[in-house]
Amino acid sequence: MTYNSTNSFAINILTKYNATNFIITSFTRLSQSNIDSYKASRSTQLISLNQNTIITKLFISITTKLSYHHSNHQSYLK
């Protein structure tokens, strides 16, 4: 009984306030907020990815220079 009365109440409200428009607007708002949150998380991921790439390149550069310096130093000692 409660289900039916609630259901008819919802239908009455939707009919009164133009159901199609209400549903489309609701879905549009949901979609837009999902898109916005996805963009925000994606940009954060891209920023952290760029930072990781820079750190990795820097690390490779430093270790390459150190190993090169070390090999030169070893050959000089021989």
PDB file of N, CA and C in Angstrom:
ATOM      1  N   MET A   1       0.835  -1.205   0.000  1.00  0.00           N
ATOM      2  CA  MET A   1       0.000   0.000   0.000  1.00  0.00           C
ATOM      3  C   MET A   1       0.874   1.262   0.000  1.00  0.00           C
ATOM      4  N   THR A   2       1.882   1.258   0.838  1.00  0.00           N
ATOM      5  CA  THR A   2       2.779   2.413   0.908  1.00  0.00           C
ATOM      6  C   THR A   2       3.487   2.617  -0.427  1.00  0.00           C
ATOM      7  N   TYR A   3       3.916   1.509  -1.041  1.00  0.00           N
ATOM      8  CA  TYR A   3       4.625   1.581  -2.325  1.00  0.00           C
ATOM      9  C   TYR A   3       3.754   2.250  -3.380  1.00  0.00           C
ATOM     10  N   ASN A   4       2.480   1.816  -3.466  1.00  0.00           N
ATOM     11  CA  ASN A   4       1.566   2.360  -4.468  1.00  0.00           C
ATOM     12  C   ASN A   4       1.306   3.846  -4.251  1.00  0.00           C
ATOM     13  N   SER A   5       1.073   4.234  -3.009  1.00  0.00           N
ATOM     14  CA  SER A   5       0.783   5.649  -2.741  1.00  0.00           C
ATOM     15  C   SER A   5       2.016   6.514  -3.017  1.00  0.00           C
ATOM     16  N   THR A   6       3.189   5.995  -2.641  1.00  0.00           N
ATOM     17  CA  THR A   6       4.431   6.732  -2.911  1.00  0.00           C
ATOM     18  C   THR A   6       4.655   6.854  -4.408  1.00  0.00           C
ATOM     19  N   ASN A   7       4.419   5.755  -5.104  1.00  0.00           N
ATOM     20  CA  ASN A   7       4.601   5.710  -6.550  1.00  0.00           C
ATOM     21  C   ASN A   7       3.674   6.706  -7.241  1.00  0.00           C
ATOM     22  N   SER A   8       2.401   6.696  -6.878  1.00  0.00           N
ATOM     23  CA  SER A   8       1.438   7.615  -7.505  1.00  0.00           C
ATOM     24  C   SER A   8       1.761   9.063  -7.135  1.00  0.00           C
ATOM     25  N   PHE A   9       2.243   9.282  -5.918  1.00  0.00           N
ATOM     26  CA  PHE A   9       2.651  10.627  -5.490  1.00  0.00           C
ATOM     27  C   PHE A   9       3.784  11.137  -6.382  1.00  0.00           C
ATOM     28  N   ALA A  10       4.780  10.268  -6.634  1.00  0.00           N
ATOM     29  CA  ALA A  10       5.903  10.636  -7.502  1.00  0.00           C
ATOM     30  C   ALA A  10       5.424  10.922  -8.919  1.00  0.00           C
ATOM     31  N   ILE A  11       4.521  10.088  -9.412  1.00  0.00           N
ATOM     32  CA  ILE A  11       3.989  10.275 -10.773  1.00  0.00           C
ATOM     33  C   ILE A  11       3.232  11.601 -10.864  1.00  0.00           C
ATOM     34  N   ASN A  12       2.446  11.913  -9.840  1.00  0.00           N
ATOM     35  CA  ASN A  12       1.704  13.190  -9.812  1.00  0.00           C
ATOM     36  C   ASN A  12       2.652  14.376  -9.855  1.00  0.00           C
ATOM     37  N   ILE A  13       3.707  14.319  -9.059  1.00  0.00           N
ATOM     38  CA  ILE A  13       4.684  15.416  -9.037  1.00  0.00           C
ATOM     39  C   ILE A  13       5.337  15.558 -10.409  1.00  0.00           C
ATOM     40  N   LEU A  14       5.770  14.423 -10.985  1.00  0.00           N
ATOM     41  CA  LEU A  14       6.439  14.461 -12.285  1.00  0.00           C
ATOM     42  C   LEU A  14       5.510  14.981 -13.374  1.00  0.00           C
ATOM     43  N   THR A  15       4.253  14.584 -13.320  1.00  0.00           N
ATOM     44  CA  THR A  15       3.276  15.050 -14.305  1.00  0.00           C
ATOM     45  C   THR A  15       3.043  16.550 -14.149  1.00  0.00           C
ATOM     46  N   LYS A  16       2.952  16.983 -12.908  1.00  0.00           N
ATOM     47  CA  LYS A  16       2.689  18.399 -12.624  1.00  0.00           C
ATOM     48  C   LYS A  16       3.836  19.282 -13.120  1.00  0.00           C
ATOM     49  N   TYR A  17       5.070  18.831 -12.926  1.00  0.00           N
ATOM     50  CA  TYR A  17       6.236  19.665 -13.255  1.00  0.00           C
ATOM     51  C   TYR A  17       6.936  19.236 -14.542  1.00  0.00           C
ATOM     52  N   ASN A  18       6.169  18.696 -15.476  1.00  0.00           N
ATOM     53  CA  ASN A  18       6.697  18.317 -16.788  1.00  0.00           C
ATOM     54  C   ASN A  18       7.814  17.274 -16.647  1.00  0.00           C
ATOM     55  N   ALA A  19       7.394  16.026 -16.588  1.00  0.00           N
ATOM     56  CA  ALA A  19       8.280  14.900 -16.276  1.00  0.00           C
ATOM     57  C   ALA A  19       9.497  14.811 -17.185  1.00  0.00           C
ATOM     58  N   THR A  20       9.277  14.943 -18.478  1.00  0.00           N
ATOM     59  CA  THR A  20      10.374  14.776 -19.439  1.00  0.00           C
ATOM     60  C   THR A  20      11.486  15.773 -19.178  1.00  0.00           C
ATOM     61  N   ASN A  21      11.100  17.014 -19.022  1.00  0.00           N
ATOM     62  CA  ASN A  21      12.065  18.082 -18.770  1.00  0.00           C
ATOM     63  C   ASN A  21      12.823  17.830 -17.470  1.00  0.00           C
ATOM     64  N   PHE A  22      12.089  17.417 -16.445  1.00  0.00           N
ATOM     65  CA  PHE A  22      12.675  17.135 -15.130  1.00  0.00           C
ATOM     66  C   PHE A  22      13.718  16.020 -15.227  1.00  0.00           C
ATOM     67  N   ILE A  23      13.360  14.937 -15.910  1.00  0.00           N
ATOM     68  CA  ILE A  23      14.259  13.783 -16.037  1.00  0.00           C
ATOM     69  C   ILE A  23      15.501  14.151 -16.848  1.00  0.00           C
ATOM     70  N   ILE A  24      15.296  14.824 -17.973  1.00  0.00           N
ATOM     71  CA  ILE A  24      16.427  15.220 -18.827  1.00  0.00           C
ATOM     72  C   ILE A  24      17.370  16.143 -18.058  1.00  0.00           C
ATOM     73  N   THR A  25      16.804  17.126 -17.351  1.00  0.00           N
ATOM     74  CA  THR A  25      17.627  18.059 -16.568  1.00  0.00           C
ATOM     75  C   THR A  25      18.422  17.314 -15.508  1.00  0.00           C
ATOM     76  N   SER A  26      17.776  16.377 -14.818  1.00  0.00           N
ATOM     77  CA  SER A  26      18.455  15.609 -13.768  1.00  0.00           C
ATOM     78  C   SER A  26      19.619  14.822 -14.344  1.00  0.00           C
ATOM     79  N   PHE A  27      19.374  14.127 -15.449  1.00  0.00           N
ATOM     80  CA  PHE A  27      20.439  13.329 -16.069  1.00  0.00           C
ATOM     81  C   PHE A  27      21.573  14.212 -16.574  1.00  0.00           C
ATOM     82  N   THR A  28      21.215  15.363 -17.122  1.00  0.00           N
ATOM     83  CA  THR A  28      22.235  16.288 -17.629  1.00  0.00           C
ATOM     84  C   THR A  28      23.114  16.766 -16.488  1.00  0.00           C
ATOM     85  N   ARG A  29      22.495  17.123 -15.374  1.00  0.00           N
ATOM     86  CA  ARG A  29      23.262  17.577 -14.204  1.00  0.00           C
ATOM     87  C   ARG A  29      24.181  16.475 -13.707  1.00  0.00           C
ATOM     88  N   LEU A  30      23.657  15.259 -13.616  1.00  0.00           N
ATOM     89  CA  LEU A  30      24.466  14.123 -13.159  1.00  0.00           C
ATOM     90  C   LEU A  30      25.636  13.894 -14.097  1.00  0.00           C
ATOM     91  N   SER A  31      25.351  13.894 -15.389  1.00  0.00           N
ATOM     92  CA  SER A  31      26.398  13.666 -16.385  1.00  0.00           C
ATOM     93  C   SER A  31      27.461  14.741 -16.297  1.00  0.00           C
ATOM     94  N   GLN A  32      27.045  15.991 -16.174  1.00  0.00           N
ATOM     95  CA  GLN A  32      27.993  17.103 -16.124  1.00  0.00           C
ATOM     96  C   GLN A  32      28.880  17.007 -14.890  1.00  0.00           C
ATOM     97  N   SER A  33      28.291  16.660 -13.743  1.00  0.00           N
ATOM     98  CA  SER A  33      29.098  16.545 -12.522  1.00  0.00           C
ATOM     99  C   SER A  33      30.070  15.379 -12.632  1.00  0.00           C
ATOM    100  N   ASN A  34      29.631  14.279 -13.266  1.00  0.00           N
ATOM    101  CA  ASN A  34      30.533  13.145 -13.490  1.00  0.00           C
ATOM    102  C   ASN A  34      31.687  13.536 -14.397  1.00  0.00           C
ATOM    103  N   ILE A  35      31.375  14.273 -15.454  1.00  0.00           N
ATOM    104  CA  ILE A  35      32.409  14.719 -16.403  1.00  0.00           C
ATOM    105  C   ILE A  35      33.395  15.641 -15.698  1.00  0.00           C
ATOM    106  N   ASP A  36      32.870  16.582 -14.906  1.00  0.00           N
ATOM    107  CA  ASP A  36      33.733  17.521 -14.176  1.00  0.00           C
ATOM    108  C   ASP A  36      34.654  16.796 -13.206  1.00  0.00           C
ATOM    109  N   SER A  37      34.095  15.841 -12.449  1.00  0.00           N
ATOM    110  CA  SER A  37      34.927  15.115 -11.480  1.00  0.00           C
ATOM    111  C   SER A  37      35.951  14.249 -12.207  1.00  0.00           C
ATOM    112  N   TYR A  38      35.558  13.681 -13.359  1.00  0.00           N
ATOM    113  CA  TYR A  38      36.502  12.874 -14.140  1.00  0.00           C
ATOM    114  C   TYR A  38      37.650  13.741 -14.649  1.00  0.00           C
ATOM    115  N   LYS A  39      37.310  14.926 -15.168  1.00  0.00           N
ATOM    116  CA  LYS A  39      38.342  15.846 -15.670  1.00  0.00           C
ATOM    117  C   LYS A  39      39.297  16.246 -14.552  1.00  0.00           C
ATOM    118  N   ALA A  40      38.745  16.538 -13.384  1.00  0.00           N
ATOM    119  CA  ALA A  40      39.565  16.951 -12.241  1.00  0.00           C
ATOM    120  C   ALA A  40      40.523  15.837 -11.837  1.00  0.00           C
ATOM    121  N   SER A  41      40.007  14.608 -11.734  1.00  0.00           N
ATOM    122  CA  SER A  41      40.877  13.494 -11.335  1.00  0.00           C
ATOM    123  C   SER A  41      41.896  13.193 -12.428  1.00  0.00           C
ATOM    124  N   ARG A  42      41.487  13.334 -13.682  1.00  0.00           N
ATOM    125  CA  ARG A  42      42.383  13.061 -14.813  1.00  0.00           C
ATOM    126  C   ARG A  42      43.531  14.076 -14.838  1.00  0.00           C
ATOM    127  N   SER A  43      43.216  15.347 -14.609  1.00  0.00           N
ATOM    128  CA  SER A  43      44.269  16.366 -14.627  1.00  0.00           C
ATOM    129  C   SER A  43      45.237  16.147 -13.469  1.00  0.00           C
ATOM    130  N   THR A  44      44.726  15.705 -12.323  1.00  0.00           N
ATOM    131  CA  THR A  44      45.595  15.399 -11.177  1.00  0.00           C
ATOM    132  C   THR A  44      46.516  14.239 -11.525  1.00  0.00           C
ATOM    133  N   GLN A  45      45.969  13.216 -12.177  1.00  0.00           N
ATOM    134  CA  GLN A  45      46.777  12.063 -12.595  1.00  0.00           C
ATOM    135  C   GLN A  45      47.856  12.502 -13.569  1.00  0.00           C
ATOM    136  N   LEU A  46      47.500  13.361 -14.515  1.00  0.00           N
ATOM    137  CA  LEU A  46      48.468  13.824 -15.513  1.00  0.00           C
ATOM    138  C   LEU A  46      49.577  14.637 -14.870  1.00  0.00           C
ATOM    139  N   ILE A  47      49.216  15.472 -13.897  1.00  0.00           N
ATOM    140  CA  ILE A  47      50.230  16.271 -13.195  1.00  0.00           C
ATOM    141  C   ILE A  47      51.200  15.348 -12.465  1.00  0.00           C
ATOM    142  N   SER A  48      50.670  14.366 -11.735  1.00  0.00           N
ATOM    143  CA  SER A  48      51.547  13.457 -10.987  1.00  0.00           C
ATOM    144  C   SER A  48      52.374  12.612 -11.947  1.00  0.00           C
ATOM    145  N   LEU A  49      51.799  12.259 -13.088  1.00  0.00           N
ATOM    146  CA  LEU A  49      52.534  11.492 -14.098  1.00  0.00           C
ATOM    147  C   LEU A  49      53.698  12.317 -14.636  1.00  0.00           C
ATOM    148  N   ASN A  50      53.444  13.593 -14.925  1.00  0.00           N
ATOM    149  CA  ASN A  50      54.506  14.485 -15.405  1.00  0.00           C
ATOM    150  C   ASN A  50      55.604  14.643 -14.369  1.00  0.00           C
ATOM    151  N   GLN A  51      55.223  14.797 -13.109  1.00  0.00           N
ATOM    152  CA  GLN A  51      56.213  14.926 -12.038  1.00  0.00           C
ATOM    153  C   GLN A  51      57.055  13.661 -11.935  1.00  0.00           C
ATOM    154  N   ASN A  52      56.410  12.504 -12.009  1.00  0.00           N
ATOM    155  CA  ASN A  52      57.138  11.235 -11.946  1.00  0.00           C
ATOM    156  C   ASN A  52      58.103  11.100 -13.113  1.00  0.00           C
ATOM    157  N   THR A  53      57.676  11.511 -14.290  1.00  0.00           N
ATOM    158  CA  THR A  53      58.526  11.442 -15.480  1.00  0.00           C
ATOM    159  C   THR A  53      59.752  12.324 -15.313  1.00  0.00           C
ATOM    160  N   ILE A  54      59.537  13.535 -14.812  1.00  0.00           N
ATOM    161  CA  ILE A  54      60.651  14.470 -14.605  1.00  0.00           C
ATOM    162  C   ILE A  54      61.628  13.908 -13.577  1.00  0.00           C
ATOM    163  N   ILE A  55      61.099  13.388 -12.468  1.00  0.00           N
ATOM    164  CA  ILE A  55      61.948  12.815 -11.414  1.00  0.00           C
ATOM    165  C   ILE A  55      62.732  11.624 -11.955  1.00  0.00           C
ATOM    166  N   THR A  56      62.066  10.765 -12.728  1.00  0.00           N
ATOM    167  CA  THR A  56      62.731   9.595 -13.307  1.00  0.00           C
ATOM    168  C   THR A  56      63.848  10.018 -14.249  1.00  0.00           C
ATOM    169  N   LYS A  57      63.571  10.987 -15.114  1.00  0.00           N
ATOM    170  CA  LYS A  57      64.596  11.478 -16.052  1.00  0.00           C
ATOM    171  C   LYS A  57      65.781  12.072 -15.301  1.00  0.00           C
ATOM    172  N   LEU A  58      65.486  12.824 -14.260  1.00  0.00           N
ATOM    173  CA  LEU A  58      66.535  13.436 -13.446  1.00  0.00           C
ATOM    174  C   LEU A  58      67.380  12.357 -12.774  1.00  0.00           C
ATOM    175  N   PHE A  59      66.715  11.347 -12.230  1.00  0.00           N
ATOM    176  CA  PHE A  59      67.411  10.241 -11.564  1.00  0.00           C
ATOM    177  C   PHE A  59      68.321   9.507 -12.546  1.00  0.00           C
ATOM    178  N   ILE A  60      67.800   9.211 -13.741  1.00  0.00           N
ATOM    179  CA  ILE A  60      68.599   8.528 -14.773  1.00  0.00           C
ATOM    180  C   ILE A  60      69.790   9.390 -15.162  1.00  0.00           C
ATOM    181  N   SER A  61      69.565  10.671 -15.328  1.00  0.00           N
ATOM    182  CA  SER A  61      70.633  11.598 -15.694  1.00  0.00           C
ATOM    183  C   SER A  61      71.732  11.614 -14.633  1.00  0.00           C
ATOM    184  N   ILE A  62      71.349  11.712 -13.373  1.00  0.00           N
ATOM    185  CA  ILE A  62      72.328  11.759 -12.274  1.00  0.00           C
ATOM    186  C   ILE A  62      73.098  10.443 -12.181  1.00  0.00           C
ATOM    187  N   THR A  63      72.385   9.324 -12.220  1.00  0.00           N
ATOM    188  CA  THR A  63      73.062   8.019 -12.099  1.00  0.00           C
ATOM    189  C   THR A  63      73.975   7.763 -13.287  1.00  0.00           C
ATOM    190  N   THR A  64      73.569   8.192 -14.473  1.00  0.00           N
ATOM    191  CA  THR A  64      74.416   8.033 -15.665  1.00  0.00           C
ATOM    192  C   THR A  64      75.698   8.842 -15.498  1.00  0.00           C
ATOM    193  N   LYS A  65      75.551  10.072 -15.046  1.00  0.00           N
ATOM    194  CA  LYS A  65      76.728  10.928 -14.836  1.00  0.00           C
ATOM    195  C   LYS A  65      77.641  10.353 -13.754  1.00  0.00           C
ATOM    196  N   LEU A  66      77.050   9.861 -12.688  1.00  0.00           N
ATOM    197  CA  LEU A  66      77.837   9.282 -11.595  1.00  0.00           C
ATOM    198  C   LEU A  66      78.590   8.038 -12.057  1.00  0.00           C
ATOM    199  N   SER A  67      77.906   7.171 -12.786  1.00  0.00           N
ATOM    200  CA  SER A  67      78.563   5.944 -13.251  1.00  0.00           C
ATOM    201  C   SER A  67      79.657   6.271 -14.266  1.00  0.00           C
ATOM    202  N   TYR A  68      79.420   7.260 -15.107  1.00  0.00           N
ATOM    203  CA  TYR A  68      80.426   7.697 -16.085  1.00  0.00           C
ATOM    204  C   TYR A  68      81.643   8.267 -15.356  1.00  0.00           C
ATOM    205  N   HIS A  69      81.365   9.099 -14.371  1.00  0.00           N
ATOM    206  CA  HIS A  69      82.436   9.694 -13.561  1.00  0.00           C
ATOM    207  C   HIS A  69      83.217   8.594 -12.832  1.00  0.00           C
ATOM    208  N   HIS A  70      82.498   7.627 -12.297  1.00  0.00           N
ATOM    209  CA  HIS A  70      83.116   6.521 -11.562  1.00  0.00           C
ATOM    210  C   HIS A  70      84.017   5.697 -12.487  1.00  0.00           C
ATOM    211  N   SER A  71      83.543   5.393 -13.687  1.00  0.00           N
ATOM    212  CA  SER A  71      84.343   4.600 -14.633  1.00  0.00           C
ATOM    213  C   SER A  71      85.583   5.375 -15.080  1.00  0.00           C
ATOM    214  N   ASN A  72      85.437   6.672 -15.279  1.00  0.00           N
ATOM    215  CA  ASN A  72      86.596   7.509 -15.630  1.00  0.00           C
ATOM    216  C   ASN A  72      87.612   7.524 -14.500  1.00  0.00           C
ATOM    217  N   HIS A  73      87.107   7.627 -13.300  1.00  0.00           N
ATOM    218  CA  HIS A  73      87.973   7.666 -12.125  1.00  0.00           C
ATOM    219  C   HIS A  73      88.722   6.336 -11.972  1.00  0.00           C
ATOM    220  N   GLN A  74      88.015   5.232 -12.202  1.00  0.00           N
ATOM    221  CA  GLN A  74      88.629   3.896 -12.096  1.00  0.00           C
ATOM    222  C   GLN A  74      89.723   3.723 -13.147  1.00  0.00           C
ATOM    223  N   SER A  75      89.456   4.157 -14.357  1.00  0.00           N
ATOM    224  CA  SER A  75      90.456   4.017 -15.423  1.00  0.00           C
ATOM    225  C   SER A  75      91.667   4.913 -15.152  1.00  0.00           C
ATOM    226  N   TYR A  76      91.425   6.043 -14.530  1.00  0.00           N
ATOM    227  CA  TYR A  76      92.520   6.967 -14.185  1.00  0.00           C
ATOM    228  C   TYR A  76      93.428   6.334 -13.112  1.00  0.00           C
ATOM    229  N   LEU A  77      92.806   5.611 -12.161  1.00  0.00           N
ATOM    230  CA  LEU A  77      93.583   4.974 -11.087  1.00  0.00           C
ATOM    231  C   LEU A  77      94.439   3.820 -11.605  1.00  0.00           C
ATOM    232  N   LYS A  78      94.003   3.168 -12.667  1.00  0.00           N
ATOM    233  CA  LYS A  78      94.765   2.053 -13.237  1.00  0.00           C
ATOM    234  C   LYS A  78      95.980   2.624 -13.878  1.00  0.00           C
TER     235      LYS A  78
END
